[in-house]
Amino acid sequence: MAAKKKVRALPPIPAGALPVVPEPSRPKLMPESTPDYMAGAWVSCLRWAIGKEEVRASFTQETGIAWSPPRNGFERAIDEATGADRKFVEAFVTWFNDAVWGDVNAEDGDDASP
């Protein structure tokens, strides 16, 4: 029979020796009623919505705010200088939270969005 090797216990890890992993930040425009653990789903749904022409058309029809992505660097510079891109995104996300995402705390059958 082969002799069993004695296994040594590892020394304890001193406090502060492991890197601290920061908590992921909560998206600033995500509704307060949406739990932090659903942030990924909210971002994915928002990216889907902003990428769909028919959703953007509904947004424009309901809000009167129209914007199209810049086609070149000059248009991008104008949007950044005037803040048009940021204003659109903030308005779209506000509309999206009400019209698409809804209230995650709504009971089944409740009208979660207007």
Protein backbone atom coordinates (compact mmCIF):
# COMPACT_ATOMS: atom_id res chain seq x y z
CA MET A 1 0.00 0.00 0.00
CA ALA A 2 1.25 3.45 -0.90
CA ALA A 3 1.79 5.90 1.90
CA LYS A 4 -0.68 8.76 2.04
CA LYS A 5 0.76 12.22 1.63
CA LYS A 6 0.05 14.65 4.39
CA VAL A 7 -1.72 17.74 3.05
CA ARG A 8 -0.82 21.05 4.67
CA ALA A 9 -3.52 23.60 5.36
CA LEU A 10 -3.06 26.92 3.62
CA PRO A 11 -2.39 29.91 5.84
CA PRO A 12 -5.28 32.32 6.29
CA ILE A 13 -5.50 35.23 3.88
CA PRO A 14 -4.84 38.51 5.67
CA ALA A 15 -7.58 41.13 5.64
CA GLY A 16 -7.21 43.56 2.75
CA ALA A 17 -5.09 41.17 0.70
CA LEU A 18 -7.85 40.39 -1.79
CA PRO A 19 -8.95 43.02 -4.30
CA VAL A 20 -12.24 44.72 -3.58
CA VAL A 21 -14.74 44.28 -6.39
CA PRO A 22 -16.92 47.37 -6.59
CA GLU A 23 -20.67 47.04 -6.79
CA PRO A 24 -21.92 47.68 -10.32
CA SER A 25 -23.38 51.14 -10.60
CA ARG A 26 -27.10 51.53 -11.09
CA PRO A 27 -28.07 53.14 -14.41
CA LYS A 28 -29.00 56.75 -13.62
CA LEU A 29 -32.24 56.80 -15.63
CA MET A 30 -33.51 53.34 -14.61
CA PRO A 31 -36.84 53.61 -12.74
CA GLU A 32 -36.61 53.47 -8.95
CA SER A 33 -39.17 50.63 -8.97
CA THR A 34 -36.75 48.43 -10.96
CA PRO A 35 -34.52 46.37 -8.65
CA ASP A 36 -30.75 46.60 -9.17
CA TYR A 37 -30.56 42.94 -10.20
CA MET A 38 -32.73 43.76 -13.25
CA ALA A 39 -30.36 46.47 -14.54
CA GLY A 40 -29.04 44.18 -17.28
CA ALA A 41 -32.54 43.37 -18.51
CA TRP A 42 -33.48 47.07 -18.45
CA VAL A 43 -30.39 48.07 -20.45
CA SER A 44 -30.96 45.24 -22.96
CA CYS A 45 -34.60 46.21 -23.45
CA LEU A 46 -33.66 49.88 -23.83
CA ARG A 47 -31.01 49.05 -26.45
CA TRP A 48 -33.53 46.92 -28.32
CA ALA A 49 -36.15 49.70 -28.23
CA ILE A 50 -33.83 52.47 -29.39
CA GLY A 51 -32.67 50.25 -32.25
CA LYS A 52 -36.20 49.57 -33.56
CA GLU A 53 -37.44 52.09 -36.13
CA GLU A 54 -41.10 51.51 -35.23
CA VAL A 55 -40.42 52.16 -31.52
CA ARG A 56 -38.56 55.38 -32.32
CA ALA A 57 -41.45 56.38 -34.62
CA SER A 58 -43.91 55.86 -31.74
CA PHE A 59 -41.68 57.97 -29.51
CA THR A 60 -41.57 60.78 -32.08
CA GLN A 61 -45.32 60.61 -32.66
CA GLU A 62 -46.10 60.75 -28.94
CA THR A 63 -43.50 63.35 -27.92
CA GLY A 64 -42.85 65.38 -31.06
CA ILE A 65 -39.11 64.90 -30.53
CA ALA A 66 -37.29 63.74 -33.64
CA TRP A 67 -33.61 62.89 -33.91
CA SER A 68 -31.54 60.72 -36.19
CA PRO A 69 -28.04 59.42 -35.58
CA PRO A 70 -25.27 61.56 -37.12
CA ARG A 71 -24.05 60.35 -40.52
CA ASN A 72 -20.55 61.79 -40.21
CA GLY A 73 -18.09 63.42 -37.83
CA PHE A 74 -19.33 66.94 -38.57
CA GLU A 75 -22.93 66.07 -37.64
CA ARG A 76 -21.67 64.23 -34.54
CA ALA A 77 -19.70 67.33 -33.46
CA ILE A 78 -22.80 69.49 -33.90
CA ASP A 79 -24.91 67.10 -31.81
CA GLU A 80 -22.29 67.03 -29.06
CA ALA A 81 -21.89 70.83 -29.08
CA THR A 82 -25.63 71.51 -28.96
CA GLY A 83 -26.45 68.62 -26.63
CA ALA A 84 -29.07 67.33 -29.09
CA ASP A 85 -27.92 63.73 -28.68
CA ARG A 86 -28.07 63.91 -24.88
CA LYS A 87 -31.47 65.62 -24.87
CA PHE A 88 -32.87 62.95 -27.18
CA VAL A 89 -31.51 60.11 -25.06
CA GLU A 90 -32.88 61.55 -21.82
CA ALA A 91 -36.32 62.16 -23.38
CA PHE A 92 -36.34 58.72 -25.02
CA VAL A 93 -35.42 56.92 -21.79
CA THR A 94 -38.11 58.80 -19.84
CA TRP A 95 -40.69 57.83 -22.48
CA PHE A 96 -39.33 54.24 -22.65
CA ASN A 97 -39.65 53.79 -18.87
CA ASP A 98 -43.35 54.66 -19.06
CA ALA A 99 -44.41 53.33 -22.46
CA VAL A 100 -42.27 50.20 -22.85
CA TRP A 101 -40.69 49.11 -19.55
CA GLY A 102 -43.57 49.94 -17.21
CA ASP A 103 -43.76 49.38 -13.48
CA VAL A 104 -42.12 46.12 -12.43
CA ASN A 105 -44.17 46.14 -9.22
CA ALA A 106 -47.50 46.10 -11.05
CA GLU A 107 -49.68 43.08 -10.39
CA ASP A 108 -50.51 40.73 -13.27
CA GLY A 109 -53.38 42.26 -15.19
CA ASP A 110 -52.62 45.78 -13.99
CA ASP A 111 -51.96 48.32 -16.67
CA ALA A 112 -48.28 48.85 -15.88
CA SER A 113 -47.77 51.46 -18.58
CA PRO A 114 -50.00 54.29 -19.75
